């Protein structure tokens, strides 16, 4: 999102004075996965008779990347793996909280009928 914003608003970051940065290697991998997902969505859209917004020629490459990312993020978890490193990083940084949350969820689920 930051990349698309900066490309169209030369004034700088979405959040003034606080640029949002992502590791270039992670961004490249995410963009590649999103592009792969977008190809599947485009094919499915055509099959279903739906429009595929990334097909519009007037769109900048940065906006296409952003929309590809949106398609990736809202897709089913089985359709991509972008979320795995995010989850692993969070779990490794907060193991006690994750364990407490799982135990609370399991306790709640055990009360269901």
N, C-alpha and C. Protein backbone atom coordinates (compact mmCIF):
# COMPACT_ATOMS: atom_id res chain seq x y z
N UNK A 1 0.82 -1.18 0.00
CA UNK A 1 0.00 0.00 0.00
C UNK A 1 0.88 1.26 0.00
N UNK A 2 1.91 1.22 0.80
CA UNK A 2 2.83 2.35 0.87
C UNK A 2 3.42 2.66 -0.51
N UNK A 3 3.82 1.61 -1.21
CA UNK A 3 4.43 1.77 -2.54
C UNK A 3 3.45 2.44 -3.51
N UNK A 4 2.18 2.03 -3.49
CA UNK A 4 1.17 2.63 -4.36
C UNK A 4 0.93 4.09 -3.99
N UNK A 5 0.89 4.37 -2.70
CA UNK A 5 0.67 5.75 -2.24
C UNK A 5 1.81 6.66 -2.68
N UNK A 6 3.03 6.26 -2.43
CA UNK A 6 4.19 7.09 -2.76
C UNK A 6 4.27 7.33 -4.27
N UNK A 7 3.91 6.33 -5.07
CA UNK A 7 3.96 6.48 -6.52
C UNK A 7 2.99 7.54 -7.02
N UNK A 8 1.87 7.73 -6.33
CA UNK A 8 0.89 8.71 -6.79
C UNK A 8 0.86 9.99 -5.95
N UNK A 9 1.51 9.99 -4.80
CA UNK A 9 1.56 11.16 -3.93
C UNK A 9 3.02 11.41 -3.55
N UNK A 10 3.67 12.17 -4.32
CA UNK A 10 5.11 12.39 -4.11
C UNK A 10 5.42 13.07 -2.78
N UNK A 11 4.36 13.45 -2.05
CA UNK A 11 4.56 14.13 -0.77
C UNK A 11 5.10 13.21 0.32
N UNK A 12 5.05 11.90 0.09
CA UNK A 12 5.64 10.99 1.07
C UNK A 12 4.73 9.91 1.56
N UNK A 13 4.98 9.49 2.78
CA UNK A 13 4.34 8.33 3.40
C UNK A 13 2.86 8.54 3.68
N UNK A 14 2.13 7.44 3.75
CA UNK A 14 0.72 7.48 4.13
C UNK A 14 0.60 8.06 5.53
N UNK A 15 1.49 7.63 6.40
CA UNK A 15 1.52 8.14 7.77
C UNK A 15 2.64 9.18 7.82
N UNK A 16 2.29 10.47 7.85
CA UNK A 16 3.30 11.52 7.81
C UNK A 16 4.39 11.35 8.86
N UNK A 17 5.62 11.44 8.41
CA UNK A 17 6.77 11.34 9.30
C UNK A 17 7.11 9.93 9.73
N UNK A 18 6.36 8.93 9.25
CA UNK A 18 6.61 7.55 9.66
C UNK A 18 6.45 6.63 8.45
N UNK A 19 7.49 6.53 7.66
CA UNK A 19 7.39 5.66 6.49
C UNK A 19 7.21 4.19 6.90
N UNK A 20 6.37 3.52 6.18
CA UNK A 20 6.12 2.11 6.43
C UNK A 20 7.06 1.33 5.52
N UNK A 21 7.90 0.53 6.10
CA UNK A 21 8.85 -0.21 5.28
C UNK A 21 8.68 -1.71 5.52
N UNK A 22 9.03 -2.45 4.51
CA UNK A 22 8.98 -3.90 4.60
C UNK A 22 10.29 -4.41 4.05
N UNK A 23 10.77 -5.48 4.60
CA UNK A 23 11.99 -6.09 4.11
C UNK A 23 11.84 -6.34 2.61
N UNK A 24 12.76 -5.83 1.77
CA UNK A 24 12.64 -5.98 0.31
C UNK A 24 12.51 -7.43 -0.14
N UNK A 25 13.20 -8.34 0.52
CA UNK A 25 13.12 -9.75 0.16
C UNK A 25 11.72 -10.30 0.46
N UNK A 26 11.18 -9.92 1.62
CA UNK A 26 9.82 -10.35 1.97
C UNK A 26 8.80 -9.76 1.01
N UNK A 27 8.98 -8.48 0.65
CA UNK A 27 8.05 -7.82 -0.27
C UNK A 27 8.08 -8.50 -1.63
N UNK A 28 9.27 -8.83 -2.11
CA UNK A 28 9.40 -9.47 -3.41
C UNK A 28 8.70 -10.83 -3.41
N UNK A 29 8.88 -11.60 -2.35
CA UNK A 29 8.24 -12.91 -2.24
C UNK A 29 6.72 -12.77 -2.16
N UNK A 30 6.28 -11.80 -1.39
CA UNK A 30 4.84 -11.56 -1.25
C UNK A 30 4.23 -11.12 -2.58
N UNK A 31 4.91 -10.21 -3.28
CA UNK A 31 4.43 -9.76 -4.59
C UNK A 31 4.35 -10.92 -5.58
N UNK A 32 5.33 -11.82 -5.53
CA UNK A 32 5.33 -12.97 -6.44
C UNK A 32 4.16 -13.90 -6.13
N UNK A 33 3.92 -14.14 -4.85
CA UNK A 33 2.80 -15.00 -4.46
C UNK A 33 1.47 -14.34 -4.82
N UNK A 34 1.38 -13.02 -4.62
CA UNK A 34 0.15 -12.30 -4.96
C UNK A 34 -0.10 -12.31 -6.46
N UNK A 35 0.95 -12.18 -7.24
CA UNK A 35 0.82 -12.20 -8.71
C UNK A 35 0.34 -13.57 -9.17
N UNK A 36 0.87 -14.61 -8.56
CA UNK A 36 0.46 -15.98 -8.88
C UNK A 36 -1.02 -16.17 -8.55
N UNK A 37 -1.44 -15.68 -7.39
CA UNK A 37 -2.84 -15.77 -6.98
C UNK A 37 -3.72 -14.97 -7.94
N UNK A 38 -3.25 -13.79 -8.36
CA UNK A 38 -4.03 -12.94 -9.27
C UNK A 38 -4.29 -13.65 -10.60
N UNK A 39 -3.32 -14.42 -11.08
CA UNK A 39 -3.53 -15.18 -12.32
C UNK A 39 -4.68 -16.17 -12.16
N UNK A 40 -4.73 -16.83 -11.00
CA UNK A 40 -5.82 -17.78 -10.73
C UNK A 40 -7.16 -17.05 -10.66
N UNK A 41 -7.17 -15.91 -9.98
CA UNK A 41 -8.41 -15.14 -9.83
C UNK A 41 -8.88 -14.63 -11.19
N UNK A 42 -7.95 -14.19 -12.03
CA UNK A 42 -8.31 -13.70 -13.36
C UNK A 42 -8.97 -14.81 -14.18
N UNK A 43 -8.39 -15.99 -14.13
CA UNK A 43 -8.93 -17.14 -14.86
C UNK A 43 -10.32 -17.50 -14.33
N UNK A 44 -10.45 -17.53 -13.01
CA UNK A 44 -11.74 -17.85 -12.39
C UNK A 44 -12.78 -16.79 -12.72
N UNK A 45 -12.38 -15.51 -12.70
CA UNK A 45 -13.30 -14.41 -13.02
C UNK A 45 -13.85 -14.56 -14.42
N UNK A 46 -12.97 -14.88 -15.35
CA UNK A 46 -13.39 -15.05 -16.75
C UNK A 46 -14.38 -16.21 -16.85
N UNK A 47 -14.07 -17.31 -16.19
CA UNK A 47 -14.93 -18.50 -16.21
C UNK A 47 -16.31 -18.20 -15.63
N UNK A 48 -16.34 -17.37 -14.56
CA UNK A 48 -17.59 -17.04 -13.87
C UNK A 48 -18.31 -15.86 -14.52
N UNK A 49 -17.69 -15.24 -15.52
CA UNK A 49 -18.31 -14.09 -16.18
C UNK A 49 -18.22 -12.81 -15.35
N UNK A 50 -17.22 -12.73 -14.50
CA UNK A 50 -17.04 -11.56 -13.64
C UNK A 50 -15.89 -10.70 -14.16
N UNK A 51 -15.86 -9.44 -13.75
CA UNK A 51 -14.76 -8.57 -14.16
C UNK A 51 -13.57 -8.77 -13.21
N UNK A 52 -12.41 -8.52 -13.74
CA UNK A 52 -11.16 -8.63 -12.97
C UNK A 52 -10.52 -7.26 -13.00
N UNK A 53 -10.59 -6.56 -11.89
CA UNK A 53 -10.22 -5.14 -11.87
C UNK A 53 -8.78 -4.88 -12.31
N UNK A 54 -7.85 -5.81 -12.02
CA UNK A 54 -6.47 -5.60 -12.41
C UNK A 54 -6.28 -5.59 -13.93
N UNK A 55 -7.31 -5.92 -14.70
CA UNK A 55 -7.22 -5.93 -16.16
C UNK A 55 -7.33 -4.53 -16.76
N UNK A 56 -7.75 -3.55 -15.98
CA UNK A 56 -7.90 -2.21 -16.52
C UNK A 56 -6.53 -1.60 -16.83
N UNK A 57 -6.38 -1.15 -18.06
CA UNK A 57 -5.08 -0.66 -18.56
C UNK A 57 -4.59 0.61 -17.87
N UNK A 58 -5.50 1.45 -17.39
CA UNK A 58 -5.09 2.73 -16.81
C UNK A 58 -4.47 2.60 -15.42
N UNK A 59 -4.41 1.42 -14.90
CA UNK A 59 -3.89 1.19 -13.55
C UNK A 59 -2.36 1.18 -13.52
N UNK A 60 -1.78 1.82 -12.52
CA UNK A 60 -0.33 1.81 -12.39
C UNK A 60 0.14 0.44 -11.90
N UNK A 61 1.40 0.09 -12.16
CA UNK A 61 1.92 -1.19 -11.66
C UNK A 61 1.82 -1.31 -10.14
N UNK A 62 2.02 -0.20 -9.43
CA UNK A 62 1.95 -0.22 -7.97
C UNK A 62 0.53 -0.54 -7.48
N UNK A 63 -0.47 0.03 -8.16
CA UNK A 63 -1.86 -0.24 -7.78
C UNK A 63 -2.21 -1.69 -8.11
N UNK A 64 -1.72 -2.20 -9.23
CA UNK A 64 -1.96 -3.61 -9.56
C UNK A 64 -1.37 -4.52 -8.49
N UNK A 65 -0.15 -4.20 -8.03
CA UNK A 65 0.47 -4.98 -6.95
C UNK A 65 -0.39 -4.93 -5.69
N UNK A 66 -0.89 -3.74 -5.39
CA UNK A 66 -1.74 -3.57 -4.20
C UNK A 66 -2.99 -4.43 -4.31
N UNK A 67 -3.67 -4.39 -5.44
CA UNK A 67 -4.88 -5.18 -5.62
C UNK A 67 -4.59 -6.67 -5.64
N UNK A 68 -3.45 -7.06 -6.20
CA UNK A 68 -3.05 -8.46 -6.15
C UNK A 68 -2.87 -8.90 -4.70
N UNK A 69 -2.27 -8.02 -3.91
CA UNK A 69 -2.08 -8.31 -2.49
C UNK A 69 -3.40 -8.46 -1.77
N UNK A 70 -4.36 -7.61 -2.09
CA UNK A 70 -5.69 -7.70 -1.48
C UNK A 70 -6.32 -9.05 -1.81
N UNK A 71 -6.23 -9.45 -3.09
CA UNK A 71 -6.77 -10.76 -3.47
C UNK A 71 -6.10 -11.88 -2.69
N UNK A 72 -4.82 -11.76 -2.48
CA UNK A 72 -4.08 -12.78 -1.73
C UNK A 72 -4.53 -12.80 -0.27
N UNK A 73 -4.63 -11.63 0.35
CA UNK A 73 -4.98 -11.56 1.77
C UNK A 73 -6.38 -12.05 2.07
N UNK A 74 -7.32 -11.82 1.14
CA UNK A 74 -8.69 -12.24 1.43
C UNK A 74 -9.00 -13.63 0.89
N UNK A 75 -8.02 -14.27 0.27
CA UNK A 75 -8.24 -15.62 -0.22
C UNK A 75 -8.22 -16.61 0.95
N UNK A 76 -8.64 -17.83 0.67
CA UNK A 76 -8.65 -18.88 1.68
C UNK A 76 -7.20 -19.19 2.08
N UNK A 77 -6.92 -19.47 3.35
CA UNK A 77 -5.55 -19.76 3.79
C UNK A 77 -4.87 -20.89 3.00
N UNK A 78 -5.66 -21.83 2.48
CA UNK A 78 -5.07 -22.91 1.69
C UNK A 78 -4.57 -22.44 0.33
N UNK A 79 -5.00 -21.23 -0.09
CA UNK A 79 -4.60 -20.70 -1.40
C UNK A 79 -3.25 -20.01 -1.39
N UNK A 80 -2.65 -19.87 -0.23
CA UNK A 80 -1.36 -19.18 -0.15
C UNK A 80 -0.68 -19.46 1.17
N UNK A 81 0.56 -19.02 1.24
CA UNK A 81 1.33 -19.27 2.47
C UNK A 81 1.87 -17.97 3.08
N UNK A 82 1.43 -16.81 2.58
CA UNK A 82 1.94 -15.53 3.04
C UNK A 82 1.80 -15.37 4.55
N UNK A 83 0.77 -15.97 5.11
CA UNK A 83 0.45 -15.77 6.52
C UNK A 83 1.31 -16.62 7.45
N UNK A 84 1.94 -17.66 6.95
CA UNK A 84 2.72 -18.55 7.82
C UNK A 84 3.88 -17.84 8.52
N UNK A 85 4.74 -17.13 7.79
CA UNK A 85 5.85 -16.45 8.50
C UNK A 85 5.35 -15.38 9.49
N UNK A 86 4.23 -14.75 9.15
CA UNK A 86 3.66 -13.74 10.05
C UNK A 86 3.22 -14.40 11.35
N UNK A 87 2.52 -15.53 11.21
CA UNK A 87 2.06 -16.27 12.40
C UNK A 87 3.23 -16.81 13.21
N UNK A 88 4.22 -17.39 12.53
CA UNK A 88 5.38 -17.96 13.23
C UNK A 88 6.12 -16.88 14.00
N UNK A 89 6.28 -15.72 13.39
CA UNK A 89 6.97 -14.61 14.05
C UNK A 89 6.20 -14.17 15.30
N UNK A 90 4.87 -14.07 15.17
CA UNK A 90 4.05 -13.66 16.30
C UNK A 90 4.10 -14.70 17.41
N UNK A 91 3.95 -15.96 17.04
CA UNK A 91 3.96 -17.04 18.04
C UNK A 91 5.29 -17.08 18.77
N UNK A 92 6.39 -16.95 18.02
CA UNK A 92 7.72 -16.97 18.65
C UNK A 92 7.94 -15.77 19.56
N UNK A 93 7.32 -14.65 19.24
CA UNK A 93 7.48 -13.45 20.07
C UNK A 93 6.55 -13.43 21.28
N UNK A 94 5.43 -14.18 21.22
CA UNK A 94 4.43 -14.15 22.29
C UNK A 94 3.94 -15.55 22.66
N UNK A 95 4.83 -16.49 22.96
CA UNK A 95 4.38 -17.87 23.20
C UNK A 95 3.42 -18.03 24.37
N UNK A 96 3.63 -17.29 25.45
CA UNK A 96 2.76 -17.42 26.62
C UNK A 96 1.34 -16.94 26.29
N UNK A 97 1.25 -15.83 25.58
CA UNK A 97 -0.06 -15.29 25.22
C UNK A 97 -0.79 -16.22 24.26
N UNK A 98 -0.06 -16.77 23.29
CA UNK A 98 -0.67 -17.70 22.33
C UNK A 98 -1.19 -18.93 23.06
N UNK A 99 -0.40 -19.47 23.97
CA UNK A 99 -0.83 -20.64 24.73
C UNK A 99 -2.08 -20.32 25.55
N UNK A 100 -2.08 -19.17 26.20
CA UNK A 100 -3.25 -18.77 27.00
C UNK A 100 -4.49 -18.61 26.12
N UNK A 101 -4.31 -18.03 24.94
CA UNK A 101 -5.44 -17.86 24.02
C UNK A 101 -5.97 -19.21 23.54
N UNK A 102 -5.09 -20.13 23.23
CA UNK A 102 -5.51 -21.47 22.79
C UNK A 102 -6.26 -22.19 23.91
N UNK A 103 -5.72 -22.12 25.12
CA UNK A 103 -6.37 -22.77 26.26
C UNK A 103 -7.76 -22.17 26.52
N UNK A 104 -7.87 -20.85 26.40
CA UNK A 104 -9.15 -20.18 26.59
C UNK A 104 -10.14 -20.61 25.51
N UNK A 105 -9.68 -20.67 24.26
CA UNK A 105 -10.53 -21.11 23.16
C UNK A 105 -11.00 -22.54 23.37
N UNK A 106 -10.07 -23.42 23.78
CA UNK A 106 -10.44 -24.82 24.00
C UNK A 106 -11.44 -24.97 25.14
N UNK A 107 -11.28 -24.17 26.17
CA UNK A 107 -12.20 -24.21 27.30
C UNK A 107 -13.59 -23.78 26.85
N UNK A 108 -13.65 -22.71 26.05
CA UNK A 108 -14.92 -22.22 25.52
C UNK A 108 -15.56 -23.24 24.61
N UNK A 109 -14.78 -23.85 23.74
CA UNK A 109 -15.31 -24.85 22.81
C UNK A 109 -15.83 -26.08 23.52
N UNK A 110 -15.21 -26.43 24.64
CA UNK A 110 -15.65 -27.63 25.36
C UNK A 110 -17.04 -27.43 25.97
N UNK A 111 -17.49 -26.18 26.10
CA UNK A 111 -18.81 -25.90 26.66
C UNK A 111 -19.91 -25.92 25.60
N UNK A 112 -19.53 -26.00 24.33
CA UNK A 112 -20.52 -26.04 23.26
C UNK A 112 -21.24 -27.38 23.24
N UNK A 113 -22.45 -27.34 22.80
CA UNK A 113 -23.23 -28.58 22.72
C UNK A 113 -23.57 -28.91 21.30
